[in-house]
PDB file of all heavy atoms in Angstrom:
ATOM      1  N   ALA A   1    -321.678 -97.180  21.707  1.00  0.00           N
ATOM      2  CA  ALA A   1    -321.928 -98.358  22.535  1.00  0.00           C
ATOM      3  C   ALA A   1    -321.543 -98.138  23.978  1.00  0.00           C
ATOM      4  O   ALA A   1    -320.459 -97.544  24.293  1.00  0.00           O
ATOM      5  CB  ALA A   1    -321.180 -99.562  21.983  1.00  0.00           C
ATOM      6  N   GLY A   2    -322.338 -98.561  24.865  1.00  0.00           N
ATOM      7  CA  GLY A   2    -321.941 -98.505  26.260  1.00  0.00           C
ATOM      8  C   GLY A   2    -322.360 -97.219  26.964  1.00  0.00           C
ATOM      9  O   GLY A   2    -322.209 -97.159  28.256  1.00  0.00           O
ATOM     10  N   THR A   3    -322.821 -96.265  26.226  1.00  0.00           N
ATOM     11  CA  THR A   3    -323.065 -94.903  26.813  1.00  0.00           C
ATOM     12  C   THR A   3    -324.539 -94.550  26.880  1.00  0.00           C
ATOM     13  O   THR A   3    -324.950 -93.610  27.539  1.00  0.00           O
ATOM     14  CB  THR A   3    -322.292 -93.789  26.225  1.00  0.00           C
ATOM     15  OG1 THR A   3    -322.599 -93.809  24.831  1.00  0.00           O
ATOM     16  CG2 THR A   3    -320.781 -94.074  26.328  1.00  0.00           C
ATOM     17  N   SER A   4    -325.384 -95.315  26.114  1.00  0.00           N
ATOM     18  CA  SER A   4    -326.765 -94.896  26.067  1.00  0.00           C
ATOM     19  C   SER A   4    -327.645 -96.112  25.663  1.00  0.00           C
ATOM     20  O   SER A   4    -327.104 -97.134  25.231  1.00  0.00           O
ATOM     21  CB  SER A   4    -327.005 -93.735  25.060  1.00  0.00           C
ATOM     22  OG  SER A   4    -326.647 -94.182  23.723  1.00  0.00           O
ATOM     23  N   GLY A   5    -328.914 -95.984  25.830  1.00  0.00           N
ATOM     24  CA  GLY A   5    -329.890 -96.989  25.331  1.00  0.00           C
ATOM     25  C   GLY A   5    -329.712 -98.321  26.033  1.00  0.00           C
ATOM     26  O   GLY A   5    -329.826 -99.398  25.461  1.00  0.00           O
ATOM     27  N   ILE A   6    -329.431 -98.296  27.366  1.00  0.00           N
ATOM     28  CA  ILE A   6    -329.117 -99.604  28.066  1.00  0.00           C
ATOM     29  C   ILE A   6    -330.271 -99.976  29.023  1.00  0.00           C
ATOM     30  O   ILE A   6    -330.124-100.928  29.774  1.00  0.00           O
ATOM     31  CB  ILE A   6    -327.826 -99.534  28.786  1.00  0.00           C
ATOM     32  CG1 ILE A   6    -327.780 -98.397  29.772  1.00  0.00           C
ATOM     33  CG2 ILE A   6    -326.630 -99.487  27.825  1.00  0.00           C
ATOM     34  CD1 ILE A   6    -326.488 -98.342  30.641  1.00  0.00           C
ATOM     35  N   VAL A   7    -331.381 -99.299  28.983  1.00  0.00           N
ATOM     36  CA  VAL A   7    -332.512 -99.667  29.935  1.00  0.00           C
ATOM     37  C   VAL A   7    -333.668-100.224  29.030  1.00  0.00           C
ATOM     38  O   VAL A   7    -334.554-100.919  29.614  1.00  0.00           O
ATOM     39  CB  VAL A   7    -332.896 -98.488  30.759  1.00  0.00           C
ATOM     40  CG1 VAL A   7    -331.874 -98.077  31.751  1.00  0.00           C
ATOM     41  CG2 VAL A   7    -333.462 -97.335  29.915  1.00  0.00           C
ATOM     42  N   ASP A   8    -333.765 -99.884  27.785  1.00  0.00           N
ATOM     43  CA  ASP A   8    -334.866-100.285  26.999  1.00  0.00           C
ATOM     44  C   ASP A   8    -334.696-101.674  26.330  1.00  0.00           C
ATOM     45  O   ASP A   8    -334.563-101.886  25.185  1.00  0.00           O
ATOM     46  CB  ASP A   8    -335.180 -99.230  25.886  1.00  0.00           C
ATOM     47  CG  ASP A   8    -333.934 -98.933  24.975  1.00  0.00           C
ATOM     48  OD1 ASP A   8    -332.810 -99.160  25.534  1.00  0.00           O
ATOM     49  OD2 ASP A   8    -334.109 -98.523  23.846  1.00  0.00           O
ATOM     50  N   VAL A   9    -334.593-102.628  27.322  1.00  0.00           N
ATOM     51  CA  VAL A   9    -334.460-104.078  26.904  1.00  0.00           C
ATOM     52  C   VAL A   9    -335.589-104.754  27.541  1.00  0.00           C
ATOM     53  O   VAL A   9    -336.092-104.377  28.589  1.00  0.00           O
ATOM     54  CB  VAL A   9    -333.067-104.648  27.251  1.00  0.00           C
ATOM     55  CG1 VAL A   9    -331.995-103.978  26.505  1.00  0.00           C
ATOM     56  CG2 VAL A   9    -332.892-104.589  28.738  1.00  0.00           C
ATOM     57  N   PRO A  10    -336.063-105.899  26.913  1.00  0.00           N
ATOM     58  CA  PRO A  10    -337.192-106.622  27.499  1.00  0.00           C
ATOM     59  C   PRO A  10    -336.914-107.255  28.811  1.00  0.00           C
ATOM     60  O   PRO A  10    -337.884-107.710  29.525  1.00  0.00           O
ATOM     61  CB  PRO A  10    -337.513-107.677  26.432  1.00  0.00           C
ATOM     62  CG  PRO A  10    -336.252-107.830  25.610  1.00  0.00           C
ATOM     63  CD  PRO A  10    -335.597-106.552  25.636  1.00  0.00           C
ATOM     64  N   GLU A  11    -335.628-107.387  29.219  1.00  0.00           N
ATOM     65  CA  GLU A  11    -335.299-107.914  30.510  1.00  0.00           C
ATOM     66  C   GLU A  11    -335.728-107.077  31.708  1.00  0.00           C
ATOM     67  O   GLU A  11    -335.677-107.526  32.850  1.00  0.00           O
ATOM     68  CB  GLU A  11    -333.776-108.165  30.628  1.00  0.00           C
ATOM     69  CG  GLU A  11    -333.318-109.468  29.847  1.00  0.00           C
ATOM     70  CD  GLU A  11    -333.260-109.293  28.343  1.00  0.00           C
ATOM     71  OE1 GLU A  11    -333.346-108.140  27.855  1.00  0.00           O
ATOM     72  OE2 GLU A  11    -333.147-110.277  27.615  1.00  0.00           O
ATOM     73  N   TYR A  12    -336.066-105.821  31.430  1.00  0.00           N
ATOM     74  CA  TYR A  12    -336.617-104.934  32.413  1.00  0.00           C
ATOM     75  C   TYR A  12    -338.115-104.705  32.185  1.00  0.00           C
ATOM     76  O   TYR A  12    -338.546-104.532  31.084  1.00  0.00           O
ATOM     77  CB  TYR A  12    -335.926-103.547  32.370  1.00  0.00           C
ATOM     78  CG  TYR A  12    -334.566-103.446  32.755  1.00  0.00           C
ATOM     79  CD1 TYR A  12    -333.594-102.840  31.891  1.00  0.00           C
ATOM     80  CD2 TYR A  12    -334.081-103.916  34.051  1.00  0.00           C
ATOM     81  CE1 TYR A  12    -332.306-102.687  32.308  1.00  0.00           C
ATOM     82  CE2 TYR A  12    -332.833-103.733  34.418  1.00  0.00           C
ATOM     83  CZ  TYR A  12    -331.884-103.186  33.540  1.00  0.00           C
ATOM     84  OH  TYR A  12    -330.539-103.069  33.947  1.00  0.00           O
ATOM     85  N   THR A  13    -338.900-104.679  33.268  1.00  0.00           N
ATOM     86  CA  THR A  13    -340.237-104.141  33.227  1.00  0.00           C
ATOM     87  C   THR A  13    -340.074-102.635  33.160  1.00  0.00           C
ATOM     88  O   THR A  13    -338.979-102.062  33.370  1.00  0.00           O
ATOM     89  CB  THR A  13    -341.098-104.511  34.420  1.00  0.00           C
ATOM     90  OG1 THR A  13    -340.476-103.869  35.627  1.00  0.00           O
ATOM     91  CG2 THR A  13    -341.109-105.995  34.692  1.00  0.00           C
ATOM     92  N   LEU A  14    -341.149-101.914  32.842  1.00  0.00           N
ATOM     93  CA  LEU A  14    -341.116-100.507  32.748  1.00  0.00           C
ATOM     94  C   LEU A  14    -340.752 -99.890  34.145  1.00  0.00           C
ATOM     95  O   LEU A  14    -339.997 -98.938  34.199  1.00  0.00           O
ATOM     96  CB  LEU A  14    -342.460 -99.853  32.300  1.00  0.00           C
ATOM     97  CG  LEU A  14    -342.429 -98.359  32.046  1.00  0.00           C
ATOM     98  CD1 LEU A  14    -341.437 -97.990  30.941  1.00  0.00           C
ATOM     99  CD2 LEU A  14    -343.808 -97.842  31.619  1.00  0.00           C
ATOM    100  N   LEU A  15    -341.273-100.471  35.105  1.00  0.00           N
ATOM    101  CA  LEU A  15    -340.976-100.095  36.534  1.00  0.00           C
ATOM    102  C   LEU A  15    -339.478-100.289  36.815  1.00  0.00           C
ATOM    103  O   LEU A  15    -338.792 -99.350  37.370  1.00  0.00           O
ATOM    104  CB  LEU A  15    -341.830-100.863  37.533  1.00  0.00           C
ATOM    105  CG  LEU A  15    -341.879-100.354  38.981  1.00  0.00           C
ATOM    106  CD1 LEU A  15    -342.443 -99.002  39.028  1.00  0.00           C
ATOM    107  CD2 LEU A  15    -342.698-101.324  39.773  1.00  0.00           C
ATOM    108  N   GLU A  16    -338.946-101.393  36.396  1.00  0.00           N
ATOM    109  CA  GLU A  16    -337.493-101.622  36.619  1.00  0.00           C
ATOM    110  C   GLU A  16    -336.596-100.756  35.782  1.00  0.00           C
ATOM    111  O   GLU A  16    -335.520-100.360  36.248  1.00  0.00           O
ATOM    112  CB  GLU A  16    -337.199-103.117  36.275  1.00  0.00           C
ATOM    113  CG  GLU A  16    -337.813-104.095  37.280  1.00  0.00           C
ATOM    114  CD  GLU A  16    -337.760-105.562  36.864  1.00  0.00           C
ATOM    115  OE1 GLU A  16    -337.398-105.735  35.675  1.00  0.00           O
ATOM    116  OE2 GLU A  16    -338.072-106.410  37.637  1.00  0.00           O
ATOM    117  N   GLN A  17    -337.103-100.262  34.634  1.00  0.00           N
ATOM    118  CA  GLN A  17    -336.323 -99.346  33.833  1.00  0.00           C
ATOM    119  C   GLN A  17    -336.128 -98.003  34.641  1.00  0.00           C
ATOM    120  O   GLN A  17    -335.094 -97.396  34.648  1.00  0.00           O
ATOM    121  CB  GLN A  17    -337.016 -99.040  32.546  1.00  0.00           C
ATOM    122  CG  GLN A  17    -337.003-100.161  31.540  1.00  0.00           C
ATOM    123  CD  GLN A  17    -337.655 -99.799  30.270  1.00  0.00           C
ATOM    124  OE1 GLN A  17    -337.745 -98.680  29.821  1.00  0.00           O
ATOM    125  NE2 GLN A  17    -338.093-100.880  29.478  1.00  0.00           N
ATOM    126  N   VAL A  18    -337.234 -97.549  35.297  1.00  0.00           N
ATOM    127  CA  VAL A  18    -337.102 -96.348  36.130  1.00  0.00           C
ATOM    128  C   VAL A  18    -336.175 -96.547  37.267  1.00  0.00           C
ATOM    129  O   VAL A  18    -335.400 -95.770  37.601  1.00  0.00           O
ATOM    130  CB  VAL A  18    -338.536 -95.971  36.598  1.00  0.00           C
ATOM    131  CG1 VAL A  18    -338.429 -94.760  37.572  1.00  0.00           C
ATOM    132  CG2 VAL A  18    -339.376 -95.630  35.404  1.00  0.00           C
ATOM    133  N   HIS A  19    -336.307 -97.794  37.903  1.00  0.00           N
ATOM    134  CA  HIS A  19    -335.419 -98.048  39.022  1.00  0.00           C
ATOM    135  C   HIS A  19    -334.012 -98.163  38.709  1.00  0.00           C
ATOM    136  O   HIS A  19    -333.061 -97.779  39.426  1.00  0.00           O
ATOM    137  CB  HIS A  19    -335.943 -99.325  39.703  1.00  0.00           C
ATOM    138  CG  HIS A  19    -337.225 -99.185  40.331  1.00  0.00           C
ATOM    139  ND1 HIS A  19    -338.043-100.319  40.752  1.00  0.00           N
ATOM    140  CD2 HIS A  19    -337.968 -98.136  40.738  1.00  0.00           C
ATOM    141  CE1 HIS A  19    -339.152 -99.902  41.275  1.00  0.00           C
ATOM    142  NE2 HIS A  19    -339.148 -98.595  41.340  1.00  0.00           N
ATOM    143  N   ALA A  20    -333.721 -98.634  37.447  1.00  0.00           N
ATOM    144  CA  ALA A  20    -332.360 -98.685  36.933  1.00  0.00           C
ATOM    145  C   ALA A  20    -331.740 -97.332  36.824  1.00  0.00           C
ATOM    146  O   ALA A  20    -330.541 -97.150  36.947  1.00  0.00           O
ATOM    147  CB  ALA A  20    -332.297 -99.377  35.552  1.00  0.00           C
ATOM    148  N   LEU A  21    -332.530 -96.297  36.637  1.00  0.00           N
ATOM    149  CA  LEU A  21    -332.002 -94.920  36.492  1.00  0.00           C
ATOM    150  C   LEU A  21    -331.916 -94.228  37.795  1.00  0.00           C
ATOM    151  O   LEU A  21    -330.972 -93.484  38.092  1.00  0.00           O
ATOM    152  CB  LEU A  21    -333.011 -94.127  35.655  1.00  0.00           C
ATOM    153  CG  LEU A  21    -333.180 -94.580  34.169  1.00  0.00           C
ATOM    154  CD1 LEU A  21    -334.310 -93.725  33.509  1.00  0.00           C
ATOM    155  CD2 LEU A  21    -331.858 -94.383  33.416  1.00  0.00           C
ATOM    156  N   VAL A  22    -332.827 -94.509  38.786  1.00  0.00           N
ATOM    157  CA  VAL A  22    -332.871 -93.781  40.053  1.00  0.00           C
ATOM    158  C   VAL A  22    -332.128 -94.490  41.170  1.00  0.00           C
ATOM    159  O   VAL A  22    -331.736 -93.948  42.141  1.00  0.00           O
ATOM    160  CB  VAL A  22    -334.256 -93.379  40.413  1.00  0.00           C
ATOM    161  CG1 VAL A  22    -335.072 -94.588  40.924  1.00  0.00           C
ATOM    162  CG2 VAL A  22    -334.320 -92.264  41.384  1.00  0.00           C
ATOM    163  N   GLY A  23    -332.036 -95.882  41.065  1.00  0.00           N
ATOM    164  CA  GLY A  23    -331.398 -96.644  42.138  1.00  0.00           C
ATOM    165  C   GLY A  23    -330.060 -96.153  42.469  1.00  0.00           C
ATOM    166  O   GLY A  23    -329.723 -96.134  43.682  1.00  0.00           O
ATOM    167  N   PRO A  24    -329.169 -95.883  41.519  1.00  0.00           N
ATOM    168  CA  PRO A  24    -327.830 -95.342  41.841  1.00  0.00           C
ATOM    169  C   PRO A  24    -327.821 -94.119  42.748  1.00  0.00           C
ATOM    170  O   PRO A  24    -326.866 -93.846  43.468  1.00  0.00           O
ATOM    171  CB  PRO A  24    -327.164 -95.157  40.542  1.00  0.00           C
ATOM    172  CG  PRO A  24    -327.905 -96.037  39.619  1.00  0.00           C
ATOM    173  CD  PRO A  24    -329.307 -96.042  40.019  1.00  0.00           C
ATOM    174  N   LEU A  25    -328.882 -93.281  42.622  1.00  0.00           N
ATOM    175  CA  LEU A  25    -328.837 -92.017  43.476  1.00  0.00           C
ATOM    176  C   LEU A  25    -328.977 -92.400  44.934  1.00  0.00           C
ATOM    177  O   LEU A  25    -328.172 -91.944  45.733  1.00  0.00           O
ATOM    178  CB  LEU A  25    -330.038 -91.186  43.019  1.00  0.00           C
ATOM    179  CG  LEU A  25    -330.007 -90.633  41.590  1.00  0.00           C
ATOM    180  CD1 LEU A  25    -331.254 -89.787  41.307  1.00  0.00           C
ATOM    181  CD2 LEU A  25    -328.762 -89.863  41.305  1.00  0.00           C
ATOM    182  N   ASP A  26    -329.888 -93.226  45.289  1.00  0.00           N
ATOM    183  CA  ASP A  26    -330.077 -93.582  46.671  1.00  0.00           C
ATOM    184  C   ASP A  26    -328.973 -94.485  47.151  1.00  0.00           C
ATOM    185  O   ASP A  26    -328.512 -94.380  48.308  1.00  0.00           O
ATOM    186  CB  ASP A  26    -331.459 -94.276  46.907  1.00  0.00           C
ATOM    187  CG  ASP A  26    -332.621 -93.377  47.040  1.00  0.00           C
ATOM    188  OD1 ASP A  26    -332.390 -92.150  47.096  1.00  0.00           O
ATOM    189  OD2 ASP A  26    -333.747 -93.816  47.061  1.00  0.00           O
ATOM    190  N   GLY A  27    -328.504 -95.391  46.254  1.00  0.00           N
ATOM    191  CA  GLY A  27    -327.413 -96.328  46.611  1.00  0.00           C
ATOM    192  C   GLY A  27    -326.086 -95.519  46.888  1.00  0.00           C
ATOM    193  O   GLY A  27    -325.463 -95.831  47.888  1.00  0.00           O
ATOM    194  N   PHE A  28    -325.870 -94.570  46.006  1.00  0.00           N
ATOM    195  CA  PHE A  28    -324.611 -93.779  46.209  1.00  0.00           C
ATOM    196  C   PHE A  28    -324.679 -93.048  47.505  1.00  0.00           C
ATOM    197  O   PHE A  28    -323.666 -93.024  48.292  1.00  0.00           O
ATOM    198  CB  PHE A  28    -324.520 -92.816  45.038  1.00  0.00           C
ATOM    199  CG  PHE A  28    -323.191 -92.005  44.988  1.00  0.00           C
ATOM    200  CD1 PHE A  28    -322.242 -92.248  44.040  1.00  0.00           C
ATOM    201  CD2 PHE A  28    -323.044 -90.927  45.806  1.00  0.00           C
ATOM    202  CE1 PHE A  28    -321.072 -91.552  43.986  1.00  0.00           C
ATOM    203  CE2 PHE A  28    -321.880 -90.152  45.778  1.00  0.00           C
ATOM    204  CZ  PHE A  28    -320.830 -90.532  44.842  1.00  0.00           C
TER     205      PHE A  28
END
């Protein structure tokens, strides 16, 4: 728990799932 499988929820669109992964790179 807490370390994987946290983007594949219906609260994200597929586009948002990708942004959830890459957003921290540009933000950091």
